[in-house]
PDB file of N, CA and C in Angstrom:
ATOM      1  N   MET A   1     -37.931  -1.538   7.878  1.00  0.00           N
ATOM      2  CA  MET A   1     -36.923  -0.734   7.181  1.00  0.00           C
ATOM      3  C   MET A   1     -35.675  -0.814   7.769  1.00  0.00           C
ATOM      4  N   ALA A   2     -35.339  -1.364   8.587  1.00  0.00           N
ATOM      5  CA  ALA A   2     -33.846  -2.154   9.004  1.00  0.00           C
ATOM      6  C   ALA A   2     -33.649  -3.264   8.419  1.00  0.00           C
ATOM      7  N   GLN A   3     -34.558  -3.931   7.936  1.00  0.00           N
ATOM      8  CA  GLN A   3     -34.307  -5.103   7.441  1.00  0.00           C
ATOM      9  C   GLN A   3     -33.968  -4.806   5.832  1.00  0.00           C
ATOM     10  N   TYR A   4     -34.746  -3.945   5.642  1.00  0.00           N
ATOM     11  CA  TYR A   4     -34.530  -3.388   4.059  1.00  0.00           C
ATOM     12  C   TYR A   4     -33.291  -2.690   3.789  1.00  0.00           C
ATOM     13  N   LEU A   5     -32.294  -2.319   4.813  1.00  0.00           N
ATOM     14  CA  LEU A   5     -31.312  -1.672   4.917  1.00  0.00           C
ATOM     15  C   LEU A   5     -30.252  -2.598   4.925  1.00  0.00           C
ATOM     16  N   VAL A   6     -30.204  -3.548   5.570  1.00  0.00           N
ATOM     17  CA  VAL A   6     -29.588  -4.722   6.077  1.00  0.00           C
ATOM     18  C   VAL A   6     -29.660  -5.434   4.460  1.00  0.00           C
ATOM     19  N   LYS A   7     -30.642  -5.614   3.756  1.00  0.00           N
ATOM     20  CA  LYS A   7     -30.531  -6.386   2.657  1.00  0.00           C
ATOM     21  C   LYS A   7     -29.828  -5.435   1.308  1.00  0.00           C
ATOM     22  N   ARG A   8     -30.075  -4.291   1.425  1.00  0.00           N
ATOM     23  CA  ARG A   8     -29.199  -3.573   0.212  1.00  0.00           C
ATOM     24  C   ARG A   8     -27.553  -3.415   0.847  1.00  0.00           C
ATOM     25  N   VAL A   9     -27.310  -3.174   2.192  1.00  0.00           N
ATOM     26  CA  VAL A   9     -25.975  -3.238   2.467  1.00  0.00           C
ATOM     27  C   VAL A   9     -25.117  -4.731   1.814  1.00  0.00           C
ATOM     28  N   VAL A  10     -26.038  -5.612   2.279  1.00  0.00           N
ATOM     29  CA  VAL A  10     -25.436  -7.038   1.524  1.00  0.00           C
ATOM     30  C   VAL A  10     -25.334  -7.097   0.192  1.00  0.00           C
ATOM     31  N   GLN A  11     -26.408  -6.478  -0.651  1.00  0.00           N
ATOM     32  CA  GLN A  11     -26.481  -6.421  -2.008  1.00  0.00           C
ATOM     33  C   GLN A  11     -25.131  -5.801  -2.133  1.00  0.00           C
ATOM     34  N   ALA A  12     -24.838  -4.561  -1.803  1.00  0.00           N
ATOM     35  CA  ALA A  12     -24.017  -3.795  -2.247  1.00  0.00           C
ATOM     36  C   ALA A  12     -22.534  -4.071  -1.977  1.00  0.00           C
ATOM     37  N   LEU A  13     -22.378  -5.115  -1.023  1.00  0.00           N
ATOM     38  CA  LEU A  13     -20.852  -5.548  -0.527  1.00  0.00           C
ATOM     39  C   LEU A  13     -20.759  -6.739  -1.940  1.00  0.00           C
ATOM     40  N   GLY A  14     -21.879  -7.494  -2.343  1.00  0.00           N
ATOM     41  CA  GLY A  14     -21.737  -8.319  -2.842  1.00  0.00           C
ATOM     42  C   GLY A  14     -21.406  -7.731  -4.254  1.00  0.00           C
ATOM     43  N   VAL A  15     -21.917  -6.740  -4.846  1.00  0.00           N
ATOM     44  CA  VAL A  15     -21.669  -6.041  -5.971  1.00  0.00           C
ATOM     45  C   VAL A  15     -20.303  -5.652  -5.867  1.00  0.00           C
ATOM     46  N   VAL A  16     -19.569  -5.196  -4.932  1.00  0.00           N
ATOM     47  CA  VAL A  16     -18.155  -4.592  -4.742  1.00  0.00           C
ATOM     48  C   VAL A  16     -17.290  -5.784  -4.679  1.00  0.00           C
ATOM     49  N   PHE A  17     -17.870  -6.658  -4.137  1.00  0.00           N
ATOM     50  CA  PHE A  17     -16.998  -8.144  -4.138  1.00  0.00           C
ATOM     51  C   PHE A  17     -16.464  -8.544  -5.512  1.00  0.00           C
ATOM     52  N   ALA A  18     -17.798  -8.901  -6.651  1.00  0.00           N
ATOM     53  CA  ALA A  18     -17.917  -9.166  -7.692  1.00  0.00           C
ATOM     54  C   ALA A  18     -16.973  -8.037  -8.820  1.00  0.00           C
ATOM     55  N   ILE A  19     -17.241  -6.960  -8.428  1.00  0.00           N
ATOM     56  CA  ILE A  19     -16.267  -6.099  -9.097  1.00  0.00           C
ATOM     57  C   ILE A  19     -14.917  -6.275  -8.883  1.00  0.00           C
ATOM     58  N   ALA A  20     -14.685  -6.290  -7.985  1.00  0.00           N
ATOM     59  CA  ALA A  20     -13.099  -6.614  -7.478  1.00  0.00           C
ATOM     60  C   ALA A  20     -12.758  -7.607  -8.231  1.00  0.00           C
ATOM     61  N   THR A  21     -13.451  -8.717  -7.938  1.00  0.00           N
ATOM     62  CA  THR A  21     -12.994 -10.064  -8.246  1.00  0.00           C
ATOM     63  C   THR A  21     -12.582  -9.843 -10.019  1.00  0.00           C
ATOM     64  N   ILE A  22     -13.583  -9.702 -10.700  1.00  0.00           N
ATOM     65  CA  ILE A  22     -13.579  -9.193 -12.074  1.00  0.00           C
ATOM     66  C   ILE A  22     -12.475  -8.529 -12.415  1.00  0.00           C
ATOM     67  N   THR A  23     -12.620  -7.655 -11.882  1.00  0.00           N
ATOM     68  CA  THR A  23     -11.040  -6.601 -11.990  1.00  0.00           C
ATOM     69  C   THR A  23      -9.817  -7.178 -11.603  1.00  0.00           C
ATOM     70  N   PHE A  24      -9.685  -7.694 -10.886  1.00  0.00           N
ATOM     71  CA  PHE A  24      -8.382  -8.409 -10.413  1.00  0.00           C
ATOM     72  C   PHE A  24      -7.720  -9.463 -11.683  1.00  0.00           C
ATOM     73  N   PHE A  25      -8.999 -10.184 -11.966  1.00  0.00           N
ATOM     74  CA  PHE A  25      -8.635 -11.490 -12.758  1.00  0.00           C
ATOM     75  C   PHE A  25      -8.353 -10.963 -14.272  1.00  0.00           C
ATOM     76  N   VAL A  26      -9.313  -9.862 -14.576  1.00  0.00           N
ATOM     77  CA  VAL A  26      -8.827  -9.250 -15.927  1.00  0.00           C
ATOM     78  C   VAL A  26      -7.584  -8.548 -16.083  1.00  0.00           C
ATOM     79  N   LEU A  27      -7.136  -7.905 -15.011  1.00  0.00           N
ATOM     80  CA  LEU A  27      -5.894  -7.084 -14.642  1.00  0.00           C
ATOM     81  C   LEU A  27      -4.714  -8.249 -15.041  1.00  0.00           C
ATOM     82  N   ASN A  28      -4.830  -9.331 -14.446  1.00  0.00           N
ATOM     83  CA  ASN A  28      -4.266 -10.342 -14.534  1.00  0.00           C
ATOM     84  C   ASN A  28      -3.927 -11.394 -16.423  1.00  0.00           C
ATOM     85  N   VAL A  29      -5.010 -11.002 -16.692  1.00  0.00           N
ATOM     86  CA  VAL A  29      -4.744 -11.587 -18.273  1.00  0.00           C
ATOM     87  C   VAL A  29      -4.441 -10.502 -19.264  1.00  0.00           C
ATOM     88  N   VAL A  30      -4.375  -9.299 -18.889  1.00  0.00           N
ATOM     89  CA  VAL A  30      -4.088  -8.243 -19.856  1.00  0.00           C
ATOM     90  C   VAL A  30      -2.587  -8.622 -19.859  1.00  0.00           C
ATOM     91  N   PRO A  31      -1.958  -8.366 -21.412  1.00  0.00           N
ATOM     92  CA  PRO A  31      -0.392  -8.695 -21.494  1.00  0.00           C
ATOM     93  C   PRO A  31       0.246  -7.547 -20.943  1.00  0.00           C
ATOM     94  N   GLY A  32       1.504  -7.759 -20.821  1.00  0.00           N
ATOM     95  CA  GLY A  32       2.152  -6.635 -20.177  1.00  0.00           C
ATOM     96  C   GLY A  32       2.828  -7.173 -18.685  1.00  0.00           C
ATOM     97  N   ASP A  33       3.948  -6.716 -18.328  1.00  0.00           N
ATOM     98  CA  ASP A  33       4.601  -7.245 -17.065  1.00  0.00           C
ATOM     99  C   ASP A  33       4.874  -5.873 -16.192  1.00  0.00           C
ATOM    100  N   PRO A  34       4.030  -5.614 -15.081  1.00  0.00           N
ATOM    101  CA  PRO A  34       4.465  -4.707 -14.380  1.00  0.00           C
ATOM    102  C   PRO A  34       5.718  -4.399 -13.775  1.00  0.00           C
ATOM    103  N   VAL A  35       6.619  -5.322 -13.424  1.00  0.00           N
ATOM    104  CA  VAL A  35       7.947  -5.353 -12.824  1.00  0.00           C
ATOM    105  C   VAL A  35       8.566  -4.789 -14.126  1.00  0.00           C
ATOM    106  N   ARG A  36       8.361  -5.181 -15.525  1.00  0.00           N
ATOM    107  CA  ARG A  36       9.499  -4.713 -16.626  1.00  0.00           C
ATOM    108  C   ARG A  36       9.095  -3.250 -16.444  1.00  0.00           C
ATOM    109  N   VAL A  37       7.888  -2.815 -16.517  1.00  0.00           N
ATOM    110  CA  VAL A  37       7.252  -1.279 -16.579  1.00  0.00           C
ATOM    111  C   VAL A  37       8.155  -0.734 -15.631  1.00  0.00           C
ATOM    112  N   MET A  38       7.953  -1.088 -14.536  1.00  0.00           N
ATOM    113  CA  MET A  38       8.598  -0.297 -13.188  1.00  0.00           C
ATOM    114  C   MET A  38      10.356  -0.385 -13.475  1.00  0.00           C
ATOM    115  N   MET A  39      10.776  -1.269 -13.692  1.00  0.00           N
ATOM    116  CA  MET A  39      12.069  -1.382 -13.749  1.00  0.00           C
ATOM    117  C   MET A  39      12.641  -0.922 -15.205  1.00  0.00           C
ATOM    118  N   GLY A  40      12.080  -0.999 -16.288  1.00  0.00           N
ATOM    119  CA  GLY A  40      12.767  -0.628 -17.235  1.00  0.00           C
ATOM    120  C   GLY A  40      13.341  -1.803 -18.151  1.00  0.00           C
ATOM    121  N   ASP A  41      13.279  -1.999 -19.614  1.00  0.00           N
ATOM    122  CA  ASP A  41      13.849  -2.678 -20.412  1.00  0.00           C
ATOM    123  C   ASP A  41      15.203  -3.651 -20.092  1.00  0.00           C
ATOM    124  N   GLN A  42      15.962  -2.176 -19.609  1.00  0.00           N
ATOM    125  CA  GLN A  42      17.515  -2.711 -19.336  1.00  0.00           C
ATOM    126  C   GLN A  42      17.613  -3.267 -18.317  1.00  0.00           C
ATOM    127  N   ALA A  43      16.710  -3.906 -17.296  1.00  0.00           N
ATOM    128  CA  ALA A  43      16.732  -4.482 -15.743  1.00  0.00           C
ATOM    129  C   ALA A  43      17.675  -5.813 -16.157  1.00  0.00           C
ATOM    130  N   LYS A  44      18.415  -6.403 -15.178  1.00  0.00           N
ATOM    131  CA  LYS A  44      18.874  -7.608 -15.489  1.00  0.00           C
ATOM    132  C   LYS A  44      17.710  -8.760 -15.150  1.00  0.00           C
ATOM    133  N   GLU A  45      17.674  -9.773 -15.589  1.00  0.00           N
ATOM    134  CA  GLU A  45      16.647 -10.645 -15.316  1.00  0.00           C
ATOM    135  C   GLU A  45      16.604 -11.412 -13.853  1.00  0.00           C
ATOM    136  N   GLU A  46      17.833 -11.350 -12.899  1.00  0.00           N
ATOM    137  CA  GLU A  46      17.838 -11.876 -11.675  1.00  0.00           C
ATOM    138  C   GLU A  46      17.072 -10.773 -10.808  1.00  0.00           C
ATOM    139  N   ALA A  47      17.395  -9.540 -11.111  1.00  0.00           N
ATOM    140  CA  ALA A  47      16.596  -8.042 -10.328  1.00  0.00           C
ATOM    141  C   ALA A  47      14.966  -7.973 -10.657  1.00  0.00           C
ATOM    142  N   VAL A  48      14.630  -8.632 -12.053  1.00  0.00           N
ATOM    143  CA  VAL A  48      13.503  -8.680 -12.251  1.00  0.00           C
ATOM    144  C   VAL A  48      12.991  -9.938 -11.244  1.00  0.00           C
ATOM    145  N   GLN A  49      13.233 -10.857 -11.442  1.00  0.00           N
ATOM    146  CA  GLN A  49      13.039 -12.059 -10.450  1.00  0.00           C
ATOM    147  C   GLN A  49      12.840 -11.913  -9.019  1.00  0.00           C
ATOM    148  N   GLN A  50      13.485 -11.258  -8.711  1.00  0.00           N
ATOM    149  CA  GLN A  50      13.799 -10.802  -7.363  1.00  0.00           C
ATOM    150  C   GLN A  50      12.467  -9.823  -7.043  1.00  0.00           C
ATOM    151  N   VAL A  51      12.392  -8.660  -7.821  1.00  0.00           N
ATOM    152  CA  VAL A  51      11.050  -7.883  -7.707  1.00  0.00           C
ATOM    153  C   VAL A  51       9.655  -8.819  -7.454  1.00  0.00           C
ATOM    154  N   ARG A  52       9.484  -9.506  -8.570  1.00  0.00           N
ATOM    155  CA  ARG A  52       8.664 -10.467  -8.581  1.00  0.00           C
ATOM    156  C   ARG A  52       8.300 -11.101  -7.613  1.00  0.00           C
ATOM    157  N   HIS A  53       9.141 -11.773  -7.052  1.00  0.00           N
ATOM    158  CA  HIS A  53       9.158 -12.595  -5.841  1.00  0.00           C
ATOM    159  C   HIS A  53       9.149 -11.464  -4.653  1.00  0.00           C
ATOM    160  N   GLU A  54       9.353 -10.251  -4.435  1.00  0.00           N
ATOM    161  CA  GLU A  54       9.073  -9.462  -3.163  1.00  0.00           C
ATOM    162  C   GLU A  54       7.602  -8.876  -3.381  1.00  0.00           C
ATOM    163  N   LEU A  55       6.819  -8.878  -4.622  1.00  0.00           N
ATOM    164  CA  LEU A  55       5.536  -8.314  -4.793  1.00  0.00           C
ATOM    165  C   LEU A  55       4.485  -9.401  -4.990  1.00  0.00           C
ATOM    166  N   GLY A  56       5.178 -10.671  -4.862  1.00  0.00           N
ATOM    167  CA  GLY A  56       4.338 -11.967  -4.847  1.00  0.00           C
ATOM    168  C   GLY A  56       3.791 -12.478  -6.208  1.00  0.00           C
ATOM    169  N   LEU A  57       4.311 -11.794  -7.244  1.00  0.00           N
ATOM    170  CA  LEU A  57       3.963 -11.708  -8.646  1.00  0.00           C
ATOM    171  C   LEU A  57       4.341 -13.014  -9.255  1.00  0.00           C
ATOM    172  N   ASP A  58       5.079 -13.880  -8.686  1.00  0.00           N
ATOM    173  CA  ASP A  58       5.590 -15.124  -8.744  1.00  0.00           C
ATOM    174  C   ASP A  58       4.838 -16.665  -8.346  1.00  0.00           C
ATOM    175  N   ARG A  59       3.953 -16.186  -7.670  1.00  0.00           N
ATOM    176  CA  ARG A  59       2.653 -16.986  -7.236  1.00  0.00           C
ATOM    177  C   ARG A  59       1.450 -17.015  -8.341  1.00  0.00           C
ATOM    178  N   PRO A  60       0.942 -18.140  -8.154  1.00  0.00           N
ATOM    179  CA  PRO A  60      -0.068 -18.365  -8.968  1.00  0.00           C
ATOM    180  C   PRO A  60      -1.509 -17.421  -8.654  1.00  0.00           C
ATOM    181  N   VAL A  61      -2.021 -17.031  -9.513  1.00  0.00           N
ATOM    182  CA  VAL A  61      -2.902 -15.937  -9.751  1.00  0.00           C
ATOM    183  C   VAL A  61      -3.870 -16.345  -8.693  1.00  0.00           C
ATOM    184  N   ALA A  62      -4.525 -17.185  -8.218  1.00  0.00           N
ATOM    185  CA  ALA A  62      -5.699 -17.826  -7.384  1.00  0.00           C
ATOM    186  C   ALA A  62      -5.009 -17.269  -6.096  1.00  0.00           C
ATOM    187  N   GLU A  63      -3.797 -17.713  -5.779  1.00  0.00           N
ATOM    188  CA  GLU A  63      -2.948 -17.368  -4.578  1.00  0.00           C
ATOM    189  C   GLU A  63      -2.664 -15.858  -4.148  1.00  0.00           C
ATOM    190  N   GLN A  64      -2.686 -15.308  -5.432  1.00  0.00           N
ATOM    191  CA  GLN A  64      -2.499 -13.631  -5.424  1.00  0.00           C
ATOM    192  C   GLN A  64      -3.687 -12.969  -5.121  1.00  0.00           C
ATOM    193  N   PHE A  65      -4.683 -13.667  -5.471  1.00  0.00           N
ATOM    194  CA  PHE A  65      -6.331 -12.871  -5.149  1.00  0.00           C
ATOM    195  C   PHE A  65      -6.398 -13.410  -3.365  1.00  0.00           C
ATOM    196  N   LEU A  66      -6.327 -14.723  -3.460  1.00  0.00           N
ATOM    197  CA  LEU A  66      -6.652 -14.859  -1.733  1.00  0.00           C
ATOM    198  C   LEU A  66      -5.968 -13.862  -0.905  1.00  0.00           C
ATOM    199  N   SER A  67      -4.655 -14.016  -0.905  1.00  0.00           N
ATOM    200  CA  SER A  67      -3.676 -12.941  -0.499  1.00  0.00           C
ATOM    201  C   SER A  67      -4.162 -11.540  -0.488  1.00  0.00           C
ATOM    202  N   TRP A  68      -4.366 -11.146  -1.686  1.00  0.00           N
ATOM    203  CA  TRP A  68      -4.872  -9.649  -1.722  1.00  0.00           C
ATOM    204  C   TRP A  68      -6.349  -9.410  -1.098  1.00  0.00           C
ATOM    205  N   LEU A  69      -7.059 -10.359  -1.108  1.00  0.00           N
ATOM    206  CA  LEU A  69      -8.398 -10.479  -0.451  1.00  0.00           C
ATOM    207  C   LEU A  69      -8.629 -10.503   1.077  1.00  0.00           C
ATOM    208  N   ALA A  70      -7.516 -11.422   1.566  1.00  0.00           N
ATOM    209  CA  ALA A  70      -7.280 -11.086   3.054  1.00  0.00           C
ATOM    210  C   ALA A  70      -6.642 -10.000   3.153  1.00  0.00           C
ATOM    211  N   GLY A  71      -5.845  -9.582   2.792  1.00  0.00           N
ATOM    212  CA  GLY A  71      -5.336  -7.955   2.979  1.00  0.00           C
ATOM    213  C   GLY A  71      -6.368  -7.148   2.972  1.00  0.00           C
ATOM    214  N   VAL A  72      -7.444  -6.875   1.985  1.00  0.00           N
ATOM    215  CA  VAL A  72      -8.456  -6.137   1.848  1.00  0.00           C
ATOM    216  C   VAL A  72      -9.509  -6.266   2.871  1.00  0.00           C
ATOM    217  N   VAL A  73      -9.631  -7.295   3.752  1.00  0.00           N
ATOM    218  CA  VAL A  73     -10.521  -7.384   4.847  1.00  0.00           C
ATOM    219  C   VAL A  73      -9.825  -6.596   6.196  1.00  0.00           C
ATOM    220  N   ARG A  74      -8.337  -6.921   5.844  1.00  0.00           N
ATOM    221  CA  ARG A  74      -7.680  -6.109   7.295  1.00  0.00           C
ATOM    222  C   ARG A  74      -7.543  -5.102   6.813  1.00  0.00           C
ATOM    223  N   GLY A  75      -7.901  -4.325   5.722  1.00  0.00           N
ATOM    224  CA  GLY A  75      -7.572  -2.933   5.375  1.00  0.00           C
ATOM    225  C   GLY A  75      -6.334  -2.516   4.808  1.00  0.00           C
ATOM    226  N   ASP A  76      -5.446  -3.635   4.157  1.00  0.00           N
ATOM    227  CA  ASP A  76      -4.619  -3.490   3.466  1.00  0.00           C
ATOM    228  C   ASP A  76      -4.695  -3.541   2.049  1.00  0.00           C
ATOM    229  N   LEU A  77      -4.656  -2.598   1.165  1.00  0.00           N
ATOM    230  CA  LEU A  77      -4.880  -2.616   0.104  1.00  0.00           C
ATOM    231  C   LEU A  77      -3.800  -2.973  -1.088  1.00  0.00           C
ATOM    232  N   GLY A  78      -2.753  -3.127  -0.186  1.00  0.00           N
ATOM    233  CA  GLY A  78      -1.587  -3.660  -0.882  1.00  0.00           C
ATOM    234  C   GLY A  78      -0.259  -2.546  -1.111  1.00  0.00           C
ATOM    235  N   THR A  79       0.644  -2.768  -2.064  1.00  0.00           N
ATOM    236  CA  THR A  79       1.660  -1.818  -2.492  1.00  0.00           C
ATOM    237  C   THR A  79       1.812  -1.354  -3.633  1.00  0.00           C
ATOM    238  N   SER A  80       1.766   0.034  -3.606  1.00  0.00           N
ATOM    239  CA  SER A  80       1.747   0.705  -5.077  1.00  0.00           C
ATOM    240  C   SER A  80       3.296  -0.013  -6.108  1.00  0.00           C
ATOM    241  N   TYR A  81       2.935  -0.425  -7.504  1.00  0.00           N
ATOM    242  CA  TYR A  81       4.094  -1.149  -8.027  1.00  0.00           C
ATOM    243  C   TYR A  81       4.706   0.072  -8.322  1.00  0.00           C
ATOM    244  N   THR A  82       4.672   1.106  -8.544  1.00  0.00           N
ATOM    245  CA  THR A  82       5.270   2.418  -9.019  1.00  0.00           C
ATOM    246  C   THR A  82       6.112   2.987  -7.805  1.00  0.00           C
ATOM    247  N   GLN A  83       5.495   3.427  -7.002  1.00  0.00           N
ATOM    248  CA  GLN A  83       5.811   4.252  -5.796  1.00  0.00           C
ATOM    249  C   GLN A  83       6.358   3.429  -4.947  1.00  0.00           C
ATOM    250  N   ARG A  84       6.179   1.901  -4.673  1.00  0.00           N
ATOM    251  CA  ARG A  84       6.666   1.321  -3.569  1.00  0.00           C
ATOM    252  C   ARG A  84       6.057   1.804  -2.366  1.00  0.00           C
ATOM    253  N   ARG A  85       4.764   2.002  -2.157  1.00  0.00           N
ATOM    254  CA  ARG A  85       4.255   2.508  -1.040  1.00  0.00           C
ATOM    255  C   ARG A  85       2.908   2.199  -0.701  1.00  0.00           C
ATOM    256  N   SER A  86       2.200   2.080   0.391  1.00  0.00           N
ATOM    257  CA  SER A  86       1.057   1.441   0.403  1.00  0.00           C
ATOM    258  C   SER A  86      -0.189   2.200  -0.170  1.00  0.00           C
ATOM    259  N   VAL A  87      -1.032   1.325  -0.705  1.00  0.00           N
ATOM    260  CA  VAL A  87      -1.839   2.150  -1.689  1.00  0.00           C
ATOM    261  C   VAL A  87      -3.048   3.050  -0.795  1.00  0.00           C
ATOM    262  N   ALA A  88      -3.032   2.513   0.648  1.00  0.00           N
ATOM    263  CA  ALA A  88      -4.151   3.189   1.297  1.00  0.00           C
ATOM    264  C   ALA A  88      -3.542   4.451   1.844  1.00  0.00           C
TER     265      ALA A  88
END
């Protein structure tokens, strides 16, 4: 029975990881800029670039994913784009 439970938990973790990975990359492919949405169309380009840098959105997608994944493992789900507070 314990072996069955361990097997199911490992499978569940694999499914959660796969869904999180797919969701992360799909959201990066969707058109639109979360910083522009957050700051509005009237924001100056320098300010937009600064916020992108602060949020890590100026880094390659693979690097963003690995950073996010490391945070999730530590229990840090990131920062809300709109409220600038911890998601957790």
